[in-house]
Amino acid sequence: MTEPLDLARLQRRLAQFAAARNWQPFHTPKNLVAALSVEASELVEIFQWLTPEESARVMDDPDTAHRVTDEVADVLAYLLQFCDVLGVDPLAALAAKIDRNERRFPAPGAQGGSERPQLPED
């Protein structure tokens, strides 16, 4: 029986994978964030010339769905390795960012919220 997935376990597996191949010297923050950017761009490339309607149906095609899931995995792998190297807890970082965004962008009708949707700047 397989154990449930969690970020810490996946980060350990990624670190073990890299260690077994002596890749740690190359897994600097600079190199990992560059690789993350490349992989994110490869994900963007799949959607680049699709209409909004086509992009919503991208997972209907098995070959394209496979490409999407592979690129998502690559992006997440590099992000987790980047966080591991810098000692960033990605779940804590996300929770803190959501908290800040909830204060910065109150829901329409909430105290202090505008009726017009606001788009985040970052």
C-alpha atoms as a PDB file:
ATOM      1  CA  MET A   1       0.000   0.000   0.000  1.00  0.00           C
ATOM      2  CA  THR A   2       1.351   3.434  -0.888  1.00  0.00           C
ATOM      3  CA  GLU A   3       1.654   6.173   1.695  1.00  0.00           C
ATOM      4  CA  PRO A   4      -0.371   9.357   1.234  1.00  0.00           C
ATOM      5  CA  LEU A   5       1.369  12.137  -0.641  1.00  0.00           C
ATOM      6  CA  ASP A   6       2.497  15.254   1.186  1.00  0.00           C
ATOM      7  CA  LEU A   7       4.866  18.064   0.286  1.00  0.00           C
ATOM      8  CA  ALA A   8       7.547  17.153   2.826  1.00  0.00           C
ATOM      9  CA  ARG A   9       7.706  13.567   1.561  1.00  0.00           C
ATOM     10  CA  LEU A  10       7.891  14.727  -2.056  1.00  0.00           C
ATOM     11  CA  GLN A  11      10.647  17.214  -1.161  1.00  0.00           C
ATOM     12  CA  ARG A  12      12.619  14.394   0.496  1.00  0.00           C
ATOM     13  CA  ARG A  13      12.196  12.187  -2.576  1.00  0.00           C
ATOM     14  CA  LEU A  14      13.379  15.000  -4.838  1.00  0.00           C
ATOM     15  CA  ALA A  15      16.396  15.627  -2.582  1.00  0.00           C
ATOM     16  CA  GLN A  16      17.229  11.906  -2.523  1.00  0.00           C
ATOM     17  CA  PHE A  17      16.887  11.712  -6.310  1.00  0.00           C
ATOM     18  CA  ALA A  18      19.283  14.635  -6.749  1.00  0.00           C
ATOM     19  CA  ALA A  19      21.724  13.313  -4.123  1.00  0.00           C
ATOM     20  CA  ALA A  20      21.890   9.891  -5.786  1.00  0.00           C
ATOM     21  CA  ARG A  21      23.020  11.617  -8.984  1.00  0.00           C
ATOM     22  CA  ASN A  22      25.340  14.145  -7.279  1.00  0.00           C
ATOM     23  CA  TRP A  23      23.261  17.043  -8.584  1.00  0.00           C
ATOM     24  CA  GLN A  24      23.248  19.099  -5.349  1.00  0.00           C
ATOM     25  CA  PRO A  25      26.111  21.388  -6.479  1.00  0.00           C
ATOM     26  CA  PHE A  26      23.911  22.474  -9.394  1.00  0.00           C
ATOM     27  CA  HIS A  27      20.779  22.963  -7.292  1.00  0.00           C
ATOM     28  CA  THR A  28      21.527  26.529  -6.282  1.00  0.00           C
ATOM     29  CA  PRO A  29      18.653  28.976  -5.818  1.00  0.00           C
ATOM     30  CA  LYS A  30      19.649  30.745  -9.056  1.00  0.00           C
ATOM     31  CA  ASN A  31      19.706  27.542 -11.100  1.00  0.00           C
ATOM     32  CA  LEU A  32      16.507  26.185  -9.591  1.00  0.00           C
ATOM     33  CA  VAL A  33      14.531  29.385 -10.158  1.00  0.00           C
ATOM     34  CA  ALA A  34      15.822  29.521 -13.749  1.00  0.00           C
ATOM     35  CA  ALA A  35      14.727  25.913 -14.308  1.00  0.00           C
ATOM     36  CA  LEU A  36      11.358  26.735 -12.728  1.00  0.00           C
ATOM     37  CA  SER A  37      10.927  29.614 -15.161  1.00  0.00           C
ATOM     38  CA  VAL A  38      11.785  27.390 -18.135  1.00  0.00           C
ATOM     39  CA  GLU A  39       9.316  24.711 -17.058  1.00  0.00           C
ATOM     40  CA  ALA A  40       6.572  27.296 -16.464  1.00  0.00           C
ATOM     41  CA  SER A  41       7.242  28.613 -19.966  1.00  0.00           C
ATOM     42  CA  GLU A  42       6.885  25.096 -21.366  1.00  0.00           C
ATOM     43  CA  LEU A  43       3.471  24.916 -19.697  1.00  0.00           C
ATOM     44  CA  VAL A  44       2.535  28.297 -21.201  1.00  0.00           C
ATOM     45  CA  GLU A  45       3.653  27.062 -24.626  1.00  0.00           C
ATOM     46  CA  ILE A  46       0.918  24.395 -24.626  1.00  0.00           C
ATOM     47  CA  PHE A  47      -1.744  27.110 -24.261  1.00  0.00           C
ATOM     48  CA  GLN A  48      -0.041  29.853 -26.258  1.00  0.00           C
ATOM     49  CA  TRP A  49      -2.252  30.033 -29.339  1.00  0.00           C
ATOM     50  CA  LEU A  50      -5.424  28.420 -28.014  1.00  0.00           C
ATOM     51  CA  THR A  51      -8.669  30.313 -27.752  1.00  0.00           C
ATOM     52  CA  PRO A  52     -10.167  30.596 -24.258  1.00  0.00           C
ATOM     53  CA  GLU A  53     -12.645  27.868 -25.228  1.00  0.00           C
ATOM     54  CA  GLU A  54      -9.913  25.555 -26.522  1.00  0.00           C
ATOM     55  CA  SER A  55      -7.836  26.123 -23.397  1.00  0.00           C
ATOM     56  CA  ALA A  56     -10.797  25.096 -21.221  1.00  0.00           C
ATOM     57  CA  ARG A  57     -10.953  21.767 -23.085  1.00  0.00           C
ATOM     58  CA  VAL A  58      -7.210  21.050 -23.153  1.00  0.00           C
ATOM     59  CA  MET A  59      -7.516  18.017 -20.883  1.00  0.00           C
ATOM     60  CA  ASP A  60      -9.976  16.347 -23.281  1.00  0.00           C
ATOM     61  CA  ASP A  61      -7.124  15.316 -25.588  1.00  0.00           C
ATOM     62  CA  PRO A  62      -5.075  12.525 -23.958  1.00  0.00           C
ATOM     63  CA  ASP A  63      -1.780  13.570 -25.569  1.00  0.00           C
ATOM     64  CA  THR A  64      -2.163  17.213 -24.576  1.00  0.00           C
ATOM     65  CA  ALA A  65      -3.406  16.236 -21.114  1.00  0.00           C
ATOM     66  CA  HIS A  66      -0.257  14.153 -20.654  1.00  0.00           C
ATOM     67  CA  ARG A  67       1.926  17.106 -21.690  1.00  0.00           C
ATOM     68  CA  VAL A  68       0.074  19.417 -19.270  1.00  0.00           C
ATOM     69  CA  THR A  69       0.429  17.041 -16.328  1.00  0.00           C
ATOM     70  CA  ASP A  70       4.124  16.470 -17.080  1.00  0.00           C
ATOM     71  CA  GLU A  71       4.816  20.208 -17.174  1.00  0.00           C
ATOM     72  CA  VAL A  72       2.804  20.799 -13.993  1.00  0.00           C
ATOM     73  CA  ALA A  73       4.932  18.105 -12.336  1.00  0.00           C
ATOM     74  CA  ASP A  74       8.141  19.750 -13.570  1.00  0.00           C
ATOM     75  CA  VAL A  75       7.043  23.186 -12.311  1.00  0.00           C
ATOM     76  CA  LEU A  76       6.075  21.791  -8.919  1.00  0.00           C
ATOM     77  CA  ALA A  77       9.274  19.742  -8.631  1.00  0.00           C
ATOM     78  CA  TYR A  78      11.498  22.751  -9.234  1.00  0.00           C
ATOM     79  CA  LEU A  79       9.402  24.946  -6.935  1.00  0.00           C
ATOM     80  CA  LEU A  80       9.642  22.371  -4.125  1.00  0.00           C
ATOM     81  CA  GLN A  81      13.402  22.004  -4.622  1.00  0.00           C
ATOM     82  CA  PHE A  82      13.809  25.787  -4.648  1.00  0.00           C
ATOM     83  CA  CYS A  83      11.839  26.058  -1.387  1.00  0.00           C
ATOM     84  CA  ASP A  84      13.845  23.237   0.176  1.00  0.00           C
ATOM     85  CA  VAL A  85      17.189  24.859  -0.661  1.00  0.00           C
ATOM     86  CA  LEU A  86      16.079  28.234   0.748  1.00  0.00           C
ATOM     87  CA  GLY A  87      14.192  26.846   3.739  1.00  0.00           C
ATOM     88  CA  VAL A  88      10.831  28.230   2.622  1.00  0.00           C
ATOM     89  CA  ASP A  89       7.717  26.365   3.763  1.00  0.00           C
ATOM     90  CA  PRO A  90       5.583  26.624   0.598  1.00  0.00           C
ATOM     91  CA  LEU A  91       2.296  25.927   2.380  1.00  0.00           C
ATOM     92  CA  ALA A  92       2.993  28.517   5.074  1.00  0.00           C
ATOM     93  CA  ALA A  93       4.047  31.021   2.401  1.00  0.00           C
ATOM     94  CA  LEU A  94       0.831  30.425   0.476  1.00  0.00           C
ATOM     95  CA  ALA A  95      -1.345  30.692   3.582  1.00  0.00           C
ATOM     96  CA  ALA A  96       0.324  33.982   4.546  1.00  0.00           C
ATOM     97  CA  LYS A  97      -0.124  35.342   1.016  1.00  0.00           C
ATOM     98  CA  ILE A  98      -3.819  34.412   0.989  1.00  0.00           C
ATOM     99  CA  ASP A  99      -4.232  36.168   4.354  1.00  0.00           C
ATOM    100  CA  ARG A 100      -2.578  39.329   2.968  1.00  0.00           C
ATOM    101  CA  ASN A 101      -4.687  39.206  -0.204  1.00  0.00           C
ATOM    102  CA  GLU A 102      -7.899  38.810   1.793  1.00  0.00           C
ATOM    103  CA  ARG A 103      -7.033  42.015   3.645  1.00  0.00           C
ATOM    104  CA  ARG A 104      -5.881  43.843   0.497  1.00  0.00           C
ATOM    105  CA  PHE A 105      -8.818  42.739  -1.659  1.00  0.00           C
ATOM    106  CA  PRO A 106     -11.954  42.408   0.497  1.00  0.00           C
ATOM    107  CA  ALA A 107     -14.838  40.575  -1.147  1.00  0.00           C
ATOM    108  CA  PRO A 108     -17.497  42.822  -2.706  1.00  0.00           C
ATOM    109  CA  GLY A 109     -20.099  43.661  -0.084  1.00  0.00           C
ATOM    110  CA  ALA A 110     -17.714  42.869   2.774  1.00  0.00           C
ATOM    111  CA  GLN A 111     -16.759  45.684   5.132  1.00  0.00           C
ATOM    112  CA  GLY A 112     -14.392  47.912   3.173  1.00  0.00           C
ATOM    113  CA  GLY A 113     -14.860  45.941  -0.059  1.00  0.00           C
ATOM    114  CA  SER A 114     -15.668  47.669  -3.306  1.00  0.00           C
ATOM    115  CA  GLU A 115     -18.422  46.492  -5.623  1.00  0.00           C
ATOM    116  CA  ARG A 116     -16.011  46.572  -8.559  1.00  0.00           C
ATOM    117  CA  PRO A 117     -13.678  43.546  -8.837  1.00  0.00           C
ATOM    118  CA  GLN A 118     -10.037  44.365  -8.169  1.00  0.00           C
ATOM    119  CA  LEU A 119      -7.276  42.509  -9.926  1.00  0.00           C
ATOM    120  CA  PRO A 120      -4.182  41.725  -7.852  1.00  0.00           C
ATOM    121  CA  GLU A 121      -0.974  43.459  -8.841  1.00  0.00           C
ATOM    122  CA  ASP A 122       1.183  40.466  -7.889  1.00  0.00           C
END
